């Protein structure tokens, strides 16, 4: 069971890192539409929620 938890944790952290990289690239592009920022904001919120859940467990 702990191997599964570790695998899920690693996947969640990887997704968070990818989103953060994507966010940095979007901030560097002044032509990114607001709707894309809103979508990214939702995904980053989900990734942060996952990371906090992992940290608390």
PDB file of N, CA and C in Angstrom:
ATOM      1  N   UNK A   1       0.818  -1.182   0.000  1.00  0.00           N
ATOM      2  CA  UNK A   1       0.000   0.000   0.000  1.00  0.00           C
ATOM      3  C   UNK A   1       0.867   1.253   0.000  1.00  0.00           C
ATOM      4  N   UNK A   2       1.977   1.234   0.745  1.00  0.00           N
ATOM      5  CA  UNK A   2       2.811   2.435   0.804  1.00  0.00           C
ATOM      6  C   UNK A   2       3.504   2.701  -0.532  1.00  0.00           C
ATOM      7  N   UNK A   3       3.780   1.641  -1.304  1.00  0.00           N
ATOM      8  CA  UNK A   3       4.350   1.837  -2.638  1.00  0.00           C
ATOM      9  C   UNK A   3       3.364   2.568  -3.536  1.00  0.00           C
ATOM     10  N   UNK A   4       2.101   2.226  -3.436  1.00  0.00           N
ATOM     11  CA  UNK A   4       1.066   2.897  -4.222  1.00  0.00           C
ATOM     12  C   UNK A   4       0.961   4.358  -3.811  1.00  0.00           C
ATOM     13  N   UNK A   5       0.973   4.622  -2.518  1.00  0.00           N
ATOM     14  CA  UNK A   5       0.900   5.997  -2.018  1.00  0.00           C
ATOM     15  C   UNK A   5       2.104   6.804  -2.499  1.00  0.00           C
ATOM     16  N   UNK A   6       3.284   6.206  -2.454  1.00  0.00           N
ATOM     17  CA  UNK A   6       4.485   6.896  -2.931  1.00  0.00           C
ATOM     18  C   UNK A   6       4.395   7.199  -4.419  1.00  0.00           C
ATOM     19  N   UNK A   7       3.866   6.261  -5.176  1.00  0.00           N
ATOM     20  CA  UNK A   7       3.715   6.449  -6.618  1.00  0.00           C
ATOM     21  C   UNK A   7       2.737   7.579  -6.929  1.00  0.00           C
ATOM     22  N   UNK A   8       1.636   7.607  -6.219  1.00  0.00           N
ATOM     23  CA  UNK A   8       0.637   8.665  -6.420  1.00  0.00           C
ATOM     24  C   UNK A   8       1.216  10.013  -6.018  1.00  0.00           C
ATOM     25  N   UNK A   9       1.931  10.046  -4.909  1.00  0.00           N
ATOM     26  CA  UNK A   9       2.565  11.279  -4.443  1.00  0.00           C
ATOM     27  C   UNK A   9       3.546  11.804  -5.495  1.00  0.00           C
ATOM     28  N   UNK A  10       4.359  10.933  -6.039  1.00  0.00           N
ATOM     29  CA  UNK A  10       5.326  11.329  -7.062  1.00  0.00           C
ATOM     30  C   UNK A  10       4.623  11.883  -8.297  1.00  0.00           C
ATOM     31  N   UNK A  11       3.534  11.250  -8.694  1.00  0.00           N
ATOM     32  CA  UNK A  11       2.772  11.718  -9.854  1.00  0.00           C
ATOM     33  C   UNK A  11       2.194  13.108  -9.584  1.00  0.00           C
ATOM     34  N   UNK A  12       1.640  13.308  -8.397  1.00  0.00           N
ATOM     35  CA  UNK A  12       1.051  14.611  -8.054  1.00  0.00           C
ATOM     36  C   UNK A  12       2.118  15.702  -8.045  1.00  0.00           C
ATOM     37  N   UNK A  13       3.275  15.419  -7.495  1.00  0.00           N
ATOM     38  CA  UNK A  13       4.354  16.401  -7.470  1.00  0.00           C
ATOM     39  C   UNK A  13       4.857  16.708  -8.875  1.00  0.00           C
ATOM     40  N   UNK A  14       4.923  15.695  -9.712  1.00  0.00           N
ATOM     41  CA  UNK A  14       5.347  15.898 -11.093  1.00  0.00           C
ATOM     42  C   UNK A  14       4.371  16.801 -11.848  1.00  0.00           C
ATOM     43  N   UNK A  15       3.088  16.562 -11.650  1.00  0.00           N
ATOM     44  CA  UNK A  15       2.073  17.403 -12.288  1.00  0.00           C
ATOM     45  C   UNK A  15       2.208  18.848 -11.812  1.00  0.00           C
ATOM     46  N   UNK A  16       2.418  19.030 -10.507  1.00  0.00           N
ATOM     47  CA  UNK A  16       2.602  20.370  -9.965  1.00  0.00           C
ATOM     48  C   UNK A  16       3.807  21.075 -10.575  1.00  0.00           C
ATOM     49  N   UNK A  17       4.900  20.355 -10.740  1.00  0.00           N
ATOM     50  CA  UNK A  17       6.102  20.934 -11.341  1.00  0.00           C
ATOM     51  C   UNK A  17       5.856  21.327 -12.793  1.00  0.00           C
ATOM     52  N   UNK A  18       5.156  20.489 -13.534  1.00  0.00           N
ATOM     53  CA  UNK A  18       4.832  20.804 -14.928  1.00  0.00           C
ATOM     54  C   UNK A  18       3.947  22.045 -15.020  1.00  0.00           C
ATOM     55  N   UNK A  19       2.961  22.135 -14.144  1.00  0.00           N
ATOM     56  CA  UNK A  19       2.083  23.304 -14.148  1.00  0.00           C
ATOM     57  C   UNK A  19       2.852  24.573 -13.812  1.00  0.00           C
ATOM     58  N   UNK A  20       3.761  24.493 -12.862  1.00  0.00           N
ATOM     59  CA  UNK A  20       4.553  25.653 -12.484  1.00  0.00           C
ATOM     60  C   UNK A  20       5.433  26.108 -13.641  1.00  0.00           C
ATOM     61  N   UNK A  21       6.033  25.195 -14.333  1.00  0.00           N
ATOM     62  CA  UNK A  21       6.845  25.520 -15.509  1.00  0.00           C
ATOM     63  C   UNK A  21       5.980  26.193 -16.575  1.00  0.00           C
ATOM     64  N   UNK A  22       4.811  25.644 -16.798  1.00  0.00           N
ATOM     65  CA  UNK A  22       3.870  26.203 -17.776  1.00  0.00           C
ATOM     66  C   UNK A  22       3.439  27.612 -17.349  1.00  0.00           C
ATOM     67  N   UNK A  23       3.192  27.817 -16.071  1.00  0.00           N
ATOM     68  CA  UNK A  23       2.780  29.129 -15.568  1.00  0.00           C
ATOM     69  C   UNK A  23       3.873  30.166 -15.807  1.00  0.00           C
ATOM     70  N   UNK A  24       5.099  29.797 -15.560  1.00  0.00           N
ATOM     71  CA  UNK A  24       6.204  30.732 -15.783  1.00  0.00           C
ATOM     72  C   UNK A  24       6.304  31.122 -17.252  1.00  0.00           C
ATOM     73  N   UNK A  25       6.121  30.164 -18.128  1.00  0.00           N
ATOM     74  CA  UNK A  25       6.161  30.465 -19.563  1.00  0.00           C
ATOM     75  C   UNK A  25       4.999  31.374 -19.968  1.00  0.00           C
ATOM     76  N   UNK A  26       3.835  31.121 -19.404  1.00  0.00           N
ATOM     77  CA  UNK A  26       2.673  31.961 -19.734  1.00  0.00           C
ATOM     78  C   UNK A  26       2.871  33.394 -19.255  1.00  0.00           C
ATOM     79  N   UNK A  27       3.466  33.574 -18.088  1.00  0.00           N
ATOM     80  CA  UNK A  27       3.689  34.920 -17.560  1.00  0.00           C
ATOM     81  C   UNK A  27       4.659  35.703 -18.425  1.00  0.00           C
ATOM     82  N   UNK A  28       5.523  35.003 -19.125  1.00  0.00           N
ATOM     83  CA  UNK A  28       6.495  35.659 -19.995  1.00  0.00           C
ATOM     84  C   UNK A  28       5.890  36.065 -21.342  1.00  0.00           C
ATOM     85  N   UNK A  29       4.696  35.588 -21.640  1.00  0.00           N
ATOM     86  CA  UNK A  29       4.041  35.868 -22.928  1.00  0.00           C
ATOM     87  C   UNK A  29       2.877  36.829 -22.722  1.00  0.00           C
ATOM     88  N   UNK A  30       3.014  38.076 -23.151  1.00  0.00           N
ATOM     89  CA  UNK A  30       1.941  39.062 -22.931  1.00  0.00           C
ATOM     90  C   UNK A  30       0.675  38.801 -23.755  1.00  0.00           C
ATOM     91  N   UNK A  31       0.732  37.866 -24.664  1.00  0.00           N
ATOM     92  CA  UNK A  31      -0.419  37.600 -25.539  1.00  0.00           C
ATOM     93  C   UNK A  31      -1.319  36.464 -25.053  1.00  0.00           C
ATOM     94  N   UNK A  32      -1.012  35.906 -23.895  1.00  0.00           N
ATOM     95  CA  UNK A  32      -1.808  34.792 -23.378  1.00  0.00           C
ATOM     96  C   UNK A  32      -3.187  35.310 -22.962  1.00  0.00           C
ATOM     97  N   UNK A  33      -4.258  34.690 -23.475  1.00  0.00           N
ATOM     98  CA  UNK A  33      -5.613  35.133 -23.123  1.00  0.00           C
ATOM     99  C   UNK A  33      -5.960  34.884 -21.649  1.00  0.00           C
ATOM    100  N   UNK A  34      -6.821  35.721 -21.125  1.00  0.00           N
ATOM    101  CA  UNK A  34      -7.244  35.597 -19.722  1.00  0.00           C
ATOM    102  C   UNK A  34      -7.835  34.232 -19.418  1.00  0.00           C
ATOM    103  N   UNK A  35      -8.585  33.660 -20.345  1.00  0.00           N
ATOM    104  CA  UNK A  35      -9.221  32.353 -20.078  1.00  0.00           C
ATOM    105  C   UNK A  35      -8.179  31.272 -19.831  1.00  0.00           C
ATOM    106  N   UNK A  36      -7.015  31.385 -20.491  1.00  0.00           N
ATOM    107  CA  UNK A  36      -5.957  30.406 -20.251  1.00  0.00           C
ATOM    108  C   UNK A  36      -5.365  30.581 -18.854  1.00  0.00           C
ATOM    109  N   UNK A  37      -5.243  31.834 -18.406  1.00  0.00           N
ATOM    110  CA  UNK A  37      -4.778  32.070 -17.041  1.00  0.00           C
ATOM    111  C   UNK A  37      -5.770  31.528 -16.014  1.00  0.00           C
ATOM    112  N   UNK A  38      -7.047  31.683 -16.276  1.00  0.00           N
ATOM    113  CA  UNK A  38      -8.059  31.148 -15.350  1.00  0.00           C
ATOM    114  C   UNK A  38      -7.983  29.629 -15.294  1.00  0.00           C
ATOM    115  N   UNK A  39      -7.835  28.997 -16.458  1.00  0.00           N
ATOM    116  CA  UNK A  39      -7.713  27.540 -16.510  1.00  0.00           C
ATOM    117  C   UNK A  39      -6.470  27.091 -15.740  1.00  0.00           C
ATOM    118  N   UNK A  40      -5.353  27.773 -15.983  1.00  0.00           N
ATOM    119  CA  UNK A  40      -4.117  27.439 -15.285  1.00  0.00           C
ATOM    120  C   UNK A  40      -4.271  27.637 -13.782  1.00  0.00           C
ATOM    121  N   UNK A  41      -4.946  28.704 -13.398  1.00  0.00           N
ATOM    122  CA  UNK A  41      -5.169  28.971 -11.982  1.00  0.00           C
ATOM    123  C   UNK A  41      -5.930  27.831 -11.316  1.00  0.00           C
ATOM    124  N   UNK A  42      -6.937  27.312 -11.985  1.00  0.00           N
ATOM    125  CA  UNK A  42      -7.686  26.172 -11.429  1.00  0.00           C
ATOM    126  C   UNK A  42      -6.793  24.947 -11.281  1.00  0.00           C
ATOM    127  N   UNK A  43      -5.983  24.659 -12.310  1.00  0.00           N
ATOM    128  CA  UNK A  43      -5.108  23.490 -12.245  1.00  0.00           C
ATOM    129  C   UNK A  43      -4.042  23.663 -11.156  1.00  0.00           C
ATOM    130  N   UNK A  44      -3.481  24.869 -11.030  1.00  0.00           N
ATOM    131  CA  UNK A  44      -2.495  25.109  -9.979  1.00  0.00           C
ATOM    132  C   UNK A  44      -3.115  24.956  -8.595  1.00  0.00           C
ATOM    133  N   UNK A  45      -4.344  25.412  -8.450  1.00  0.00           N
ATOM    134  CA  UNK A  45      -5.051  25.253  -7.170  1.00  0.00           C
ATOM    135  C   UNK A  45      -5.228  23.784  -6.829  1.00  0.00           C
ATOM    136  N   UNK A  46      -5.582  22.986  -7.817  1.00  0.00           N
ATOM    137  CA  UNK A  46      -5.738  21.548  -7.592  1.00  0.00           C
ATOM    138  C   UNK A  46      -4.401  20.917  -7.203  1.00  0.00           C
ATOM    139  N   UNK A  47      -3.320  21.319  -7.897  1.00  0.00           N
ATOM    140  CA  UNK A  47      -2.001  20.759  -7.594  1.00  0.00           C
ATOM    141  C   UNK A  47      -1.551  21.156  -6.198  1.00  0.00           C
ATOM    142  N   UNK A  48      -1.811  22.398  -5.802  1.00  0.00           N
ATOM    143  CA  UNK A  48      -1.455  22.836  -4.459  1.00  0.00           C
ATOM    144  C   UNK A  48      -2.260  22.077  -3.407  1.00  0.00           C
ATOM    145  N   UNK A  49      -3.525  21.858  -3.685  1.00  0.00           N
ATOM    146  CA  UNK A  49      -4.367  21.086  -2.769  1.00  0.00           C
ATOM    147  C   UNK A  49      -3.787  19.680  -2.595  1.00  0.00           C
ATOM    148  N   UNK A  50      -3.380  19.050  -3.702  1.00  0.00           N
ATOM    149  CA  UNK A  50      -2.763  17.720  -3.630  1.00  0.00           C
ATOM    150  C   UNK A  50      -1.479  17.753  -2.808  1.00  0.00           C
ATOM    151  N   UNK A  51      -0.628  18.751  -3.052  1.00  0.00           N
ATOM    152  CA  UNK A  51       0.646  18.845  -2.344  1.00  0.00           C
ATOM    153  C   UNK A  51       0.434  19.047  -0.844  1.00  0.00           C
ATOM    154  N   UNK A  52      -0.534  19.875  -0.492  1.00  0.00           N
ATOM    155  CA  UNK A  52      -0.829  20.095   0.914  1.00  0.00           C
ATOM    156  C   UNK A  52      -1.375  18.829   1.584  1.00  0.00           C
ATOM    157  N   UNK A  53      -2.205  18.099   0.855  1.00  0.00           N
ATOM    158  CA  UNK A  53      -2.743  16.846   1.400  1.00  0.00           C
ATOM    159  C   UNK A  53      -1.600  15.858   1.649  1.00  0.00           C
ATOM    160  N   UNK A  54      -0.649  15.786   0.708  1.00  0.00           N
ATOM    161  CA  UNK A  54       0.501  14.887   0.857  1.00  0.00           C
ATOM    162  C   UNK A  54       1.341  15.323   2.058  1.00  0.00           C
ATOM    163  N   UNK A  55       1.583  16.617   2.170  1.00  0.00           N
ATOM    164  CA  UNK A  55       2.420  17.118   3.261  1.00  0.00           C
ATOM    165  C   UNK A  55       1.806  16.856   4.633  1.00  0.00           C
ATOM    166  N   UNK A  56       0.499  16.870   4.700  1.00  0.00           N
ATOM    167  CA  UNK A  56      -0.185  16.659   5.977  1.00  0.00           C
ATOM    168  C   UNK A  56      -0.272  15.182   6.364  1.00  0.00           C
ATOM    169  N   UNK A  57      -0.117  14.312   5.396  1.00  0.00           N
ATOM    170  CA  UNK A  57      -0.282  12.874   5.702  1.00  0.00           C
ATOM    171  C   UNK A  57       1.006  12.216   6.112  1.00  0.00           C
TER     172      UNK A  57
END
